[in-house]
């Protein structure tokens, strides 16, 4: 009897995305999807969710950095 296990990197992508480690989640998600396509393991949905949440986290970080930079430089622009 063969035990079917979910791809470990897919689980890692999901968990790290939920913990806010977006870069790790995106890298693990892409590697997991490549492994899943090659081996046929289950876990594609977990990898995709990890990728989506990871990319959303990266986008939110970029927007936050842009806002902070804009607010910090605003007094210099208006003077």
C-alpha atoms as a PDB file:
ATOM      1  CA  UNK A   1       0.000   0.000   0.000  1.00  0.00           C
ATOM      2  CA  UNK A   2       1.427   3.361  -1.049  1.00  0.00           C
ATOM      3  CA  UNK A   3       0.937   6.388   1.164  1.00  0.00           C
ATOM      4  CA  UNK A   4       0.247   9.576  -0.791  1.00  0.00           C
ATOM      5  CA  UNK A   5       1.661  12.675   0.879  1.00  0.00           C
ATOM      6  CA  UNK A   6       1.207  16.317   0.040  1.00  0.00           C
ATOM      7  CA  UNK A   7       4.225  18.113  -1.383  1.00  0.00           C
ATOM      8  CA  UNK A   8       6.187  19.506   1.573  1.00  0.00           C
ATOM      9  CA  UNK A   9       7.166  22.720  -0.211  1.00  0.00           C
ATOM     10  CA  UNK A  10       3.512  23.418  -0.999  1.00  0.00           C
ATOM     11  CA  UNK A  11       2.722  23.219   2.699  1.00  0.00           C
ATOM     12  CA  UNK A  12       5.766  25.365   3.458  1.00  0.00           C
ATOM     13  CA  UNK A  13       4.596  27.976   0.930  1.00  0.00           C
ATOM     14  CA  UNK A  14       1.167  28.148   2.529  1.00  0.00           C
ATOM     15  CA  UNK A  15       2.444  28.353   6.099  1.00  0.00           C
ATOM     16  CA  UNK A  16       5.127  30.945   5.366  1.00  0.00           C
ATOM     17  CA  UNK A  17       2.623  33.069   3.433  1.00  0.00           C
ATOM     18  CA  UNK A  18       0.258  33.030   6.398  1.00  0.00           C
ATOM     19  CA  UNK A  19       3.164  33.988   8.680  1.00  0.00           C
ATOM     20  CA  UNK A  20       3.966  36.968   6.472  1.00  0.00           C
ATOM     21  CA  UNK A  21       7.207  35.651   4.995  1.00  0.00           C
ATOM     22  CA  UNK A  22       6.186  36.591   1.475  1.00  0.00           C
ATOM     23  CA  UNK A  23       9.476  36.092  -0.352  1.00  0.00           C
ATOM     24  CA  UNK A  24       9.935  32.618   1.111  1.00  0.00           C
ATOM     25  CA  UNK A  25       6.327  31.752   0.262  1.00  0.00           C
ATOM     26  CA  UNK A  26       6.688  32.832  -3.365  1.00  0.00           C
ATOM     27  CA  UNK A  27       9.930  30.915  -3.875  1.00  0.00           C
ATOM     28  CA  UNK A  28       8.598  27.765  -2.196  1.00  0.00           C
ATOM     29  CA  UNK A  29       5.325  28.015  -4.093  1.00  0.00           C
ATOM     30  CA  UNK A  30       7.015  28.158  -7.484  1.00  0.00           C
ATOM     31  CA  UNK A  31       9.403  25.310  -6.667  1.00  0.00           C
ATOM     32  CA  UNK A  32       6.525  23.242  -5.269  1.00  0.00           C
ATOM     33  CA  UNK A  33       4.416  23.723  -8.406  1.00  0.00           C
ATOM     34  CA  UNK A  34       7.344  22.610 -10.573  1.00  0.00           C
ATOM     35  CA  UNK A  35       7.833  19.500  -8.419  1.00  0.00           C
ATOM     36  CA  UNK A  36       4.094  18.740  -8.442  1.00  0.00           C
ATOM     37  CA  UNK A  37       3.923  18.961 -12.240  1.00  0.00           C
ATOM     38  CA  UNK A  38       6.925  16.631 -12.510  1.00  0.00           C
ATOM     39  CA  UNK A  39       5.934  14.048  -9.869  1.00  0.00           C
ATOM     40  CA  UNK A  40       2.132  14.259  -9.770  1.00  0.00           C
ATOM     41  CA  UNK A  41       2.046  14.743  -6.002  1.00  0.00           C
ATOM     42  CA  UNK A  42      -0.981  16.420  -4.426  1.00  0.00           C
ATOM     43  CA  UNK A  43      -0.675  19.937  -3.040  1.00  0.00           C
ATOM     44  CA  UNK A  44      -1.055  22.197  -6.063  1.00  0.00           C
ATOM     45  CA  UNK A  45      -3.883  24.149  -4.410  1.00  0.00           C
ATOM     46  CA  UNK A  46      -1.738  24.787  -1.330  1.00  0.00           C
ATOM     47  CA  UNK A  47       1.119  26.002  -3.509  1.00  0.00           C
ATOM     48  CA  UNK A  48      -1.195  28.325  -5.448  1.00  0.00           C
ATOM     49  CA  UNK A  49      -2.705  29.775  -2.259  1.00  0.00           C
ATOM     50  CA  UNK A  50       0.803  30.291  -0.889  1.00  0.00           C
ATOM     51  CA  UNK A  51       1.764  32.090  -4.100  1.00  0.00           C
ATOM     52  CA  UNK A  52      -1.322  34.313  -4.115  1.00  0.00           C
ATOM     53  CA  UNK A  53      -1.022  35.284  -0.453  1.00  0.00           C
ATOM     54  CA  UNK A  54       2.739  35.738  -0.861  1.00  0.00           C
ATOM     55  CA  UNK A  55       2.355  38.047  -3.855  1.00  0.00           C
ATOM     56  CA  UNK A  56      -0.381  39.995  -2.057  1.00  0.00           C
ATOM     57  CA  UNK A  57       1.981  40.400   0.887  1.00  0.00           C
ATOM     58  CA  UNK A  58       4.729  41.663  -1.412  1.00  0.00           C
ATOM     59  CA  UNK A  59       2.319  44.118  -3.034  1.00  0.00           C
ATOM     60  CA  UNK A  60       1.137  45.383   0.364  1.00  0.00           C
ATOM     61  CA  UNK A  61       4.750  45.837   1.441  1.00  0.00           C
ATOM     62  CA  UNK A  62       5.543  47.802  -1.728  1.00  0.00           C
ATOM     63  CA  UNK A  63       2.521  50.057  -1.215  1.00  0.00           C
ATOM     64  CA  UNK A  64       3.459  50.582   2.435  1.00  0.00           C
ATOM     65  CA  UNK A  65       7.036  51.491   1.556  1.00  0.00           C
ATOM     66  CA  UNK A  66       5.821  53.895  -1.145  1.00  0.00           C
ATOM     67  CA  UNK A  67       3.454  55.576   1.334  1.00  0.00           C
ATOM     68  CA  UNK A  68       6.139  55.927   3.985  1.00  0.00           C
ATOM     69  CA  UNK A  69       8.638  57.337   1.495  1.00  0.00           C
ATOM     70  CA  UNK A  70       5.983  59.730   0.184  1.00  0.00           C
ATOM     71  CA  UNK A  71       5.028  60.934   3.646  1.00  0.00           C
ATOM     72  CA  UNK A  72       8.647  61.346   4.735  1.00  0.00           C
ATOM     73  CA  UNK A  73       9.635  63.313   1.645  1.00  0.00           C
ATOM     74  CA  UNK A  74       6.441  65.418   1.503  1.00  0.00           C
ATOM     75  CA  UNK A  75       7.750  68.232   3.760  1.00  0.00           C
ATOM     76  CA  UNK A  76      10.784  68.644   1.484  1.00  0.00           C
ATOM     77  CA  UNK A  77       8.694  68.822  -1.675  1.00  0.00           C
ATOM     78  CA  UNK A  78       6.201  71.422  -0.394  1.00  0.00           C
ATOM     79  CA  UNK A  79       8.761  73.823   1.126  1.00  0.00           C
END
